[in-house]
Amino acid sequence: MLTIWLGVLLVIAGLLYLARQSIWRGRMSDPTTSQVESRSPTLEPARRGVRFLGLGTNWPGLAMMVVGAILLLSQAIL
């Protein structure tokens, strides 16, 4: 039973880690500015790429989810 709860905890922690990574890597500008004002020179790129979805920044969350899934599957097989 402990293995099941540990697996569930790891899967949820991995999902929360991935969500936190994608949320906190967003734009730091004021989101209430209009499109005309956002064309002023800033340090941020005009568009946000999909690099925040890469394995380099998200591997701890993915690893937690994989280990949790292995724990859950090991108990389902037994």
PDB file of N, CA and C in Angstrom:
ATOM      1  N   MET A   1       0.817  -1.192   0.000  1.00  0.00           N
ATOM      2  CA  MET A   1       0.000   0.000   0.000  1.00  0.00           C
ATOM      3  C   MET A   1       0.868   1.268   0.000  1.00  0.00           C
ATOM      4  N   LEU A   2       1.977   1.193   0.729  1.00  0.00           N
ATOM      5  CA  LEU A   2       2.890   2.330   0.769  1.00  0.00           C
ATOM      6  C   LEU A   2       3.460   2.621  -0.618  1.00  0.00           C
ATOM      7  N   THR A   3       3.715   1.575  -1.375  1.00  0.00           N
ATOM      8  CA  THR A   3       4.265   1.741  -2.722  1.00  0.00           C
ATOM      9  C   THR A   3       3.277   2.462  -3.635  1.00  0.00           C
ATOM     10  N   ILE A   4       2.004   2.154  -3.488  1.00  0.00           N
ATOM     11  CA  ILE A   4       0.979   2.812  -4.303  1.00  0.00           C
ATOM     12  C   ILE A   4       0.912   4.298  -3.979  1.00  0.00           C
ATOM     13  N   TRP A   5       0.905   4.629  -2.700  1.00  0.00           N
ATOM     14  CA  TRP A   5       0.838   6.044  -2.313  1.00  0.00           C
ATOM     15  C   TRP A   5       2.093   6.798  -2.726  1.00  0.00           C
ATOM     16  N   LEU A   6       3.232   6.140  -2.640  1.00  0.00           N
ATOM     17  CA  LEU A   6       4.469   6.777  -3.084  1.00  0.00           C
ATOM     18  C   LEU A   6       4.448   7.019  -4.593  1.00  0.00           C
ATOM     19  N   GLY A   7       3.921   6.055  -5.352  1.00  0.00           N
ATOM     20  CA  GLY A   7       3.789   6.227  -6.795  1.00  0.00           C
ATOM     21  C   GLY A   7       2.846   7.365  -7.155  1.00  0.00           C
ATOM     22  N   VAL A   8       1.718   7.431  -6.457  1.00  0.00           N
ATOM     23  CA  VAL A   8       0.758   8.522  -6.704  1.00  0.00           C
ATOM     24  C   VAL A   8       1.384   9.862  -6.355  1.00  0.00           C
ATOM     25  N   LEU A   9       2.098   9.920  -5.243  1.00  0.00           N
ATOM     26  CA  LEU A   9       2.746  11.163  -4.835  1.00  0.00           C
ATOM     27  C   LEU A   9       3.793  11.607  -5.856  1.00  0.00           C
ATOM     28  N   LEU A  10       4.562  10.666  -6.384  1.00  0.00           N
ATOM     29  CA  LEU A  10       5.576  11.018  -7.373  1.00  0.00           C
ATOM     30  C   LEU A  10       4.964  11.484  -8.694  1.00  0.00           C
ATOM     31  N   VAL A  11       3.887  10.868  -9.117  1.00  0.00           N
ATOM     32  CA  VAL A  11       3.235  11.289 -10.367  1.00  0.00           C
ATOM     33  C   VAL A  11       2.664  12.694 -10.209  1.00  0.00           C
ATOM     34  N   ILE A  12       1.998  12.955  -9.092  1.00  0.00           N
ATOM     35  CA  ILE A  12       1.417  14.288  -8.869  1.00  0.00           C
ATOM     36  C   ILE A  12       2.517  15.334  -8.714  1.00  0.00           C
ATOM     37  N   ALA A  13       3.594  14.997  -7.999  1.00  0.00           N
ATOM     38  CA  ALA A  13       4.703  15.937  -7.840  1.00  0.00           C
ATOM     39  C   ALA A  13       5.352  16.240  -9.188  1.00  0.00           C
ATOM     40  N   GLY A  14       5.474  15.239 -10.054  1.00  0.00           N
ATOM     41  CA  GLY A  14       6.029  15.467 -11.383  1.00  0.00           C
ATOM     42  C   GLY A  14       5.154  16.382 -12.222  1.00  0.00           C
ATOM     43  N   LEU A  15       3.850  16.173 -12.147  1.00  0.00           N
ATOM     44  CA  LEU A  15       2.934  17.051 -12.882  1.00  0.00           C
ATOM     45  C   LEU A  15       2.999  18.485 -12.370  1.00  0.00           C
ATOM     46  N   LEU A  16       3.057  18.646 -11.063  1.00  0.00           N
ATOM     47  CA  LEU A  16       3.152  19.994 -10.500  1.00  0.00           C
ATOM     48  C   LEU A  16       4.472  20.657 -10.867  1.00  0.00           C
ATOM     49  N   TYR A  17       5.538  19.884 -10.913  1.00  0.00           N
ATOM     50  CA  TYR A  17       6.830  20.429 -11.320  1.00  0.00           C
ATOM     51  C   TYR A  17       6.785  20.921 -12.764  1.00  0.00           C
ATOM     52  N   LEU A  18       6.211  20.123 -13.647  1.00  0.00           N
ATOM     53  CA  LEU A  18       6.104  20.527 -15.052  1.00  0.00           C
ATOM     54  C   LEU A  18       5.232  21.759 -15.209  1.00  0.00           C
ATOM     55  N   ALA A  19       4.141  21.828 -14.456  1.00  0.00           N
ATOM     56  CA  ALA A  19       3.261  23.001 -14.529  1.00  0.00           C
ATOM     57  C   ALA A  19       3.979  24.242 -14.019  1.00  0.00           C
ATOM     58  N   ARG A  20       4.714  24.094 -12.943  1.00  0.00           N
ATOM     59  CA  ARG A  20       5.433  25.238 -12.387  1.00  0.00           C
ATOM     60  C   ARG A  20       6.493  25.740 -13.360  1.00  0.00           C
ATOM     61  N   GLN A  21       7.199  24.834 -14.005  1.00  0.00           N
ATOM     62  CA  GLN A  21       8.218  25.230 -14.965  1.00  0.00           C
ATOM     63  C   GLN A  21       7.615  26.027 -16.123  1.00  0.00           C
ATOM     64  N   SER A  22       6.490  25.587 -16.629  1.00  0.00           N
ATOM     65  CA  SER A  22       5.911  26.281 -17.778  1.00  0.00           C
ATOM     66  C   SER A  22       5.275  27.604 -17.381  1.00  0.00           C
ATOM     67  N   ILE A  23       4.745  27.706 -16.188  1.00  0.00           N
ATOM     68  CA  ILE A  23       4.125  28.958 -15.746  1.00  0.00           C
ATOM     69  C   ILE A  23       5.184  30.006 -15.424  1.00  0.00           C
ATOM     70  N   TRP A  24       6.202  29.641 -14.692  1.00  0.00           N
ATOM     71  CA  TRP A  24       7.193  30.611 -14.251  1.00  0.00           C
ATOM     72  C   TRP A  24       8.154  31.033 -15.345  1.00  0.00           C
ATOM     73  N   ARG A  25       8.177  30.347 -16.457  1.00  0.00           N
ATOM     74  CA  ARG A  25       9.048  30.754 -17.545  1.00  0.00           C
ATOM     75  C   ARG A  25       8.322  31.643 -18.549  1.00  0.00           C
ATOM     76  N   GLY A  26       7.188  32.181 -18.165  1.00  0.00           N
ATOM     77  CA  GLY A  26       6.418  33.052 -19.038  1.00  0.00           C
ATOM     78  C   GLY A  26       7.018  34.441 -19.117  1.00  0.00           C
ATOM     79  N   ARG A  27       6.344  35.311 -19.802  1.00  0.00           N
ATOM     80  CA  ARG A  27       6.808  36.682 -19.965  1.00  0.00           C
ATOM     81  C   ARG A  27       6.749  37.417 -18.644  1.00  0.00           C
ATOM     82  N   MET A  28       7.674  38.302 -18.439  1.00  0.00           N
ATOM     83  CA  MET A  28       7.707  39.070 -17.205  1.00  0.00           C
ATOM     84  C   MET A  28       7.147  40.470 -17.402  1.00  0.00           C
ATOM     85  N   SER A  29       6.719  40.816 -18.599  1.00  0.00           N
ATOM     86  CA  SER A  29       6.143  42.123 -18.848  1.00  0.00           C
ATOM     87  C   SER A  29       4.747  42.208 -18.256  1.00  0.00           C
ATOM     88  N   ASP A  30       4.230  43.395 -18.201  1.00  0.00           N
ATOM     89  CA  ASP A  30       2.891  43.608 -17.696  1.00  0.00           C
ATOM     90  C   ASP A  30       1.892  43.031 -18.691  1.00  0.00           C
ATOM     91  N   PRO A  31       1.078  42.045 -18.310  1.00  0.00           N
ATOM     92  CA  PRO A  31       0.152  41.447 -19.261  1.00  0.00           C
ATOM     93  C   PRO A  31      -1.017  42.354 -19.638  1.00  0.00           C
ATOM     94  N   THR A  32      -1.191  43.463 -18.930  1.00  0.00           N
ATOM     95  CA  THR A  32      -2.319  44.343 -19.230  1.00  0.00           C
ATOM     96  C   THR A  32      -2.004  45.359 -20.314  1.00  0.00           C
ATOM     97  N   THR A  33      -0.756  45.421 -20.782  1.00  0.00           N
ATOM     98  CA  THR A  33      -0.426  46.386 -21.827  1.00  0.00           C
ATOM     99  C   THR A  33      -1.022  45.945 -23.151  1.00  0.00           C
ATOM    100  N   SER A  34      -1.342  46.910 -23.968  1.00  0.00           N
ATOM    101  CA  SER A  34      -1.919  46.586 -25.275  1.00  0.00           C
ATOM    102  C   SER A  34      -0.822  46.164 -26.245  1.00  0.00           C
ATOM    103  N   GLN A  35      -1.228  45.668 -27.408  1.00  0.00           N
ATOM    104  CA  GLN A  35      -0.263  45.218 -28.401  1.00  0.00           C
ATOM    105  C   GLN A  35       0.574  46.372 -28.935  1.00  0.00           C
ATOM    106  N   VAL A  36       0.009  47.578 -29.003  1.00  0.00           N
ATOM    107  CA  VAL A  36       0.759  48.721 -29.512  1.00  0.00           C
ATOM    108  C   VAL A  36       1.879  49.076 -28.545  1.00  0.00           C
ATOM    109  N   GLU A  37       1.584  49.032 -27.256  1.00  0.00           N
ATOM    110  CA  GLU A  37       2.600  49.372 -26.269  1.00  0.00           C
ATOM    111  C   GLU A  37       3.668  48.293 -26.152  1.00  0.00           C
ATOM    112  N   SER A  38       3.318  47.055 -26.461  1.00  0.00           N
ATOM    113  CA  SER A  38       4.281  45.966 -26.299  1.00  0.00           C
ATOM    114  C   SER A  38       5.351  45.966 -27.380  1.00  0.00           C
ATOM    115  N   ARG A  39       5.232  46.815 -28.380  1.00  0.00           N
ATOM    116  CA  ARG A  39       6.256  46.894 -29.427  1.00  0.00           C
ATOM    117  C   ARG A  39       7.422  47.767 -29.008  1.00  0.00           C
ATOM    118  N   SER A  40       7.356  48.327 -27.813  1.00  0.00           N
ATOM    119  CA  SER A  40       8.487  49.105 -27.334  1.00  0.00           C
ATOM    120  C   SER A  40       9.638  48.152 -27.023  1.00  0.00           C
ATOM    121  N   PRO A  41      10.863  48.626 -27.098  1.00  0.00           N
ATOM    122  CA  PRO A  41      11.999  47.727 -26.899  1.00  0.00           C
ATOM    123  C   PRO A  41      12.044  47.184 -25.470  1.00  0.00           C
ATOM    124  N   THR A  42      12.094  45.881 -25.364  1.00  0.00           N
ATOM    125  CA  THR A  42      12.225  45.211 -24.067  1.00  0.00           C
ATOM    126  C   THR A  42      13.329  44.182 -24.168  1.00  0.00           C
ATOM    127  N   LEU A  43      13.635  43.563 -23.079  1.00  0.00           N
ATOM    128  CA  LEU A  43      14.642  42.517 -23.066  1.00  0.00           C
ATOM    129  C   LEU A  43      14.072  41.162 -23.441  1.00  0.00           C
ATOM    130  N   GLU A  44      12.765  41.078 -23.588  1.00  0.00           N
ATOM    131  CA  GLU A  44      12.110  39.811 -23.878  1.00  0.00           C
ATOM    132  C   GLU A  44      11.848  39.656 -25.363  1.00  0.00           C
ATOM    133  N   PRO A  45      11.837  38.439 -25.849  1.00  0.00           N
ATOM    134  CA  PRO A  45      11.500  38.232 -27.254  1.00  0.00           C
ATOM    135  C   PRO A  45      10.017  38.530 -27.496  1.00  0.00           C
ATOM    136  N   ALA A  46       9.684  38.817 -28.744  1.00  0.00           N
ATOM    137  CA  ALA A  46       8.303  39.142 -29.079  1.00  0.00           C
ATOM    138  C   ALA A  46       7.377  37.945 -28.893  1.00  0.00           C
ATOM    139  N   ARG A  47       7.867  36.755 -29.224  1.00  0.00           N
ATOM    140  CA  ARG A  47       7.064  35.544 -29.070  1.00  0.00           C
ATOM    141  C   ARG A  47       7.774  34.579 -28.145  1.00  0.00           C
ATOM    142  N   ARG A  48       6.993  33.794 -27.445  1.00  0.00           N
ATOM    143  CA  ARG A  48       7.570  32.773 -26.580  1.00  0.00           C
ATOM    144  C   ARG A  48       7.670  31.484 -27.366  1.00  0.00           C
ATOM    145  N   GLY A  49       8.851  30.919 -27.448  1.00  0.00           N
ATOM    146  CA  GLY A  49       9.048  29.681 -28.174  1.00  0.00           C
ATOM    147  C   GLY A  49       8.621  28.479 -27.345  1.00  0.00           C
ATOM    148  N   VAL A  50       8.826  27.302 -27.888  1.00  0.00           N
ATOM    149  CA  VAL A  50       8.463  26.084 -27.176  1.00  0.00           C
ATOM    150  C   VAL A  50       9.674  25.454 -26.500  1.00  0.00           C
ATOM    151  N   ARG A  51      10.733  26.222 -26.313  1.00  0.00           N
ATOM    152  CA  ARG A  51      11.910  25.682 -25.644  1.00  0.00           C
ATOM    153  C   ARG A  51      11.631  25.327 -24.195  1.00  0.00           C
ATOM    154  N   PHE A  52      10.616  25.942 -23.587  1.00  0.00           N
ATOM    155  CA  PHE A  52      10.306  25.630 -22.198  1.00  0.00           C
ATOM    156  C   PHE A  52       9.731  24.223 -22.055  1.00  0.00           C
ATOM    157  N   LEU A  53       9.381  23.578 -23.167  1.00  0.00           N
ATOM    158  CA  LEU A  53       8.878  22.211 -23.128  1.00  0.00           C
ATOM    159  C   LEU A  53       9.977  21.169 -23.315  1.00  0.00           C
ATOM    160  N   GLY A  54      11.202  21.597 -23.458  1.00  0.00           N
ATOM    161  CA  GLY A  54      12.301  20.686 -23.742  1.00  0.00           C
ATOM    162  C   GLY A  54      12.678  19.804 -22.559  1.00  0.00           C
ATOM    163  N   LEU A  55      13.476  18.782 -22.851  1.00  0.00           N
ATOM    164  CA  LEU A  55      13.899  17.851 -21.815  1.00  0.00           C
ATOM    165  C   LEU A  55      14.929  18.461 -20.869  1.00  0.00           C
ATOM    166  N   GLY A  56      15.662  19.443 -21.323  1.00  0.00           N
ATOM    167  CA  GLY A  56      16.712  20.024 -20.490  1.00  0.00           C
ATOM    168  C   GLY A  56      16.208  20.646 -19.214  1.00  0.00           C
ATOM    169  N   THR A  57      15.080  21.287 -19.256  1.00  0.00           N
ATOM    170  CA  THR A  57      14.553  21.943 -18.061  1.00  0.00           C
ATOM    171  C   THR A  57      13.518  21.103 -17.332  1.00  0.00           C
ATOM    172  N   ASN A  58      12.953  20.125 -17.994  1.00  0.00           N
ATOM    173  CA  ASN A  58      11.856  19.366 -17.398  1.00  0.00           C
ATOM    174  C   ASN A  58      12.213  17.945 -16.998  1.00  0.00           C
ATOM    175  N   TRP A  59      13.470  17.549 -17.077  1.00  0.00           N
ATOM    176  CA  TRP A  59      13.804  16.160 -16.797  1.00  0.00           C
ATOM    177  C   TRP A  59      13.510  15.737 -15.364  1.00  0.00           C
ATOM    178  N   PRO A  60      13.646  16.587 -14.337  1.00  0.00           N
ATOM    179  CA  PRO A  60      13.298  16.110 -12.991  1.00  0.00           C
ATOM    180  C   PRO A  60      11.815  15.760 -12.852  1.00  0.00           C
ATOM    181  N   GLY A  61      10.948  16.554 -13.439  1.00  0.00           N
ATOM    182  CA  GLY A  61       9.515  16.261 -13.380  1.00  0.00           C
ATOM    183  C   GLY A  61       9.159  15.007 -14.148  1.00  0.00           C
ATOM    184  N   LEU A  62       9.762  14.849 -15.307  1.00  0.00           N
ATOM    185  CA  LEU A  62       9.518  13.637 -16.088  1.00  0.00           C
ATOM    186  C   LEU A  62      10.054  12.398 -15.382  1.00  0.00           C
ATOM    187  N   ALA A  63      11.203  12.527 -14.730  1.00  0.00           N
ATOM    188  CA  ALA A  63      11.764  11.395 -14.000  1.00  0.00           C
ATOM    189  C   ALA A  63      10.874  10.995 -12.829  1.00  0.00           C
ATOM    190  N   MET A  64      10.332  11.993 -12.120  1.00  0.00           N
ATOM    191  CA  MET A  64       9.413  11.687 -11.017  1.00  0.00           C
ATOM    192  C   MET A  64       8.179  10.959 -11.519  1.00  0.00           C
ATOM    193  N   MET A  65       7.659  11.395 -12.645  1.00  0.00           N
ATOM    194  CA  MET A  65       6.468  10.749 -13.192  1.00  0.00           C
ATOM    195  C   MET A  65       6.766   9.326 -13.647  1.00  0.00           C
ATOM    196  N   VAL A  66       7.930   9.107 -14.251  1.00  0.00           N
ATOM    197  CA  VAL A  66       8.281   7.760 -14.711  1.00  0.00           C
ATOM    198  C   VAL A  66       8.474   6.814 -13.528  1.00  0.00           C
ATOM    199  N   VAL A  67       9.172   7.263 -12.498  1.00  0.00           N
ATOM    200  CA  VAL A  67       9.379   6.421 -11.320  1.00  0.00           C
ATOM    201  C   VAL A  67       8.050   6.130 -10.631  1.00  0.00           C
ATOM    202  N   GLY A  68       7.184   7.135 -10.540  1.00  0.00           N
ATOM    203  CA  GLY A  68       5.866   6.914  -9.956  1.00  0.00           C
ATOM    204  C   GLY A  68       5.032   5.939 -10.766  1.00  0.00           C
ATOM    205  N   ALA A  69       5.099   6.045 -12.085  1.00  0.00           N
ATOM    206  CA  ALA A  69       4.351   5.113 -12.937  1.00  0.00           C
ATOM    207  C   ALA A  69       4.897   3.696 -12.809  1.00  0.00           C
ATOM    208  N   ILE A  70       6.211   3.555 -12.694  1.00  0.00           N
ATOM    209  CA  ILE A  70       6.799   2.225 -12.508  1.00  0.00           C
ATOM    210  C   ILE A  70       6.345   1.622 -11.185  1.00  0.00           C
ATOM    211  N   LEU A  71       6.314   2.423 -10.135  1.00  0.00           N
ATOM    212  CA  LEU A  71       5.850   1.925  -8.844  1.00  0.00           C
ATOM    213  C   LEU A  71       4.384   1.496  -8.905  1.00  0.00           C
ATOM    214  N   LEU A  72       3.560   2.289  -9.582  1.00  0.00           N
ATOM    215  CA  LEU A  72       2.145   1.938  -9.699  1.00  0.00           C
ATOM    216  C   LEU A  72       1.951   0.680 -10.539  1.00  0.00           C
ATOM    217  N   LEU A  73       2.689   0.574 -11.628  1.00  0.00           N
ATOM    218  CA  LEU A  73       2.561  -0.619 -12.467  1.00  0.00           C
ATOM    219  C   LEU A  73       3.102  -1.864 -11.783  1.00  0.00           C
ATOM    220  N   SER A  74       4.135  -1.710 -10.976  1.00  0.00           N
ATOM    221  CA  SER A  74       4.672  -2.881 -10.278  1.00  0.00           C
ATOM    222  C   SER A  74       3.657  -3.439  -9.287  1.00  0.00           C
ATOM    223  N   GLN A  75       2.874  -2.575  -8.685  1.00  0.00           N
ATOM    224  CA  GLN A  75       1.854  -3.057  -7.759  1.00  0.00           C
ATOM    225  C   GLN A  75       0.632  -3.593  -8.494  1.00  0.00           C
ATOM    226  N   ALA A  76       0.377  -3.097  -9.686  1.00  0.00           N
ATOM    227  CA  ALA A  76      -0.767  -3.601 -10.464  1.00  0.00           C
ATOM    228  C   ALA A  76      -0.485  -4.986 -10.993  1.00  0.00           C
ATOM    229  N   ILE A  77       0.765  -5.297 -11.301  1.00  0.00           N
ATOM    230  CA  ILE A  77       1.118  -6.602 -11.827  1.00  0.00           C
ATOM    231  C   ILE A  77       1.076  -7.664 -10.720  1.00  0.00           C
ATOM    232  N   LEU A  78       1.505  -7.282  -9.517  1.00  0.00           N
ATOM    233  CA  LEU A  78       1.547  -8.254  -8.400  1.00  0.00           C
ATOM    234  C   LEU A  78       0.205  -8.542  -7.881  1.00  0.00           C
TER     235      LEU A  78
END
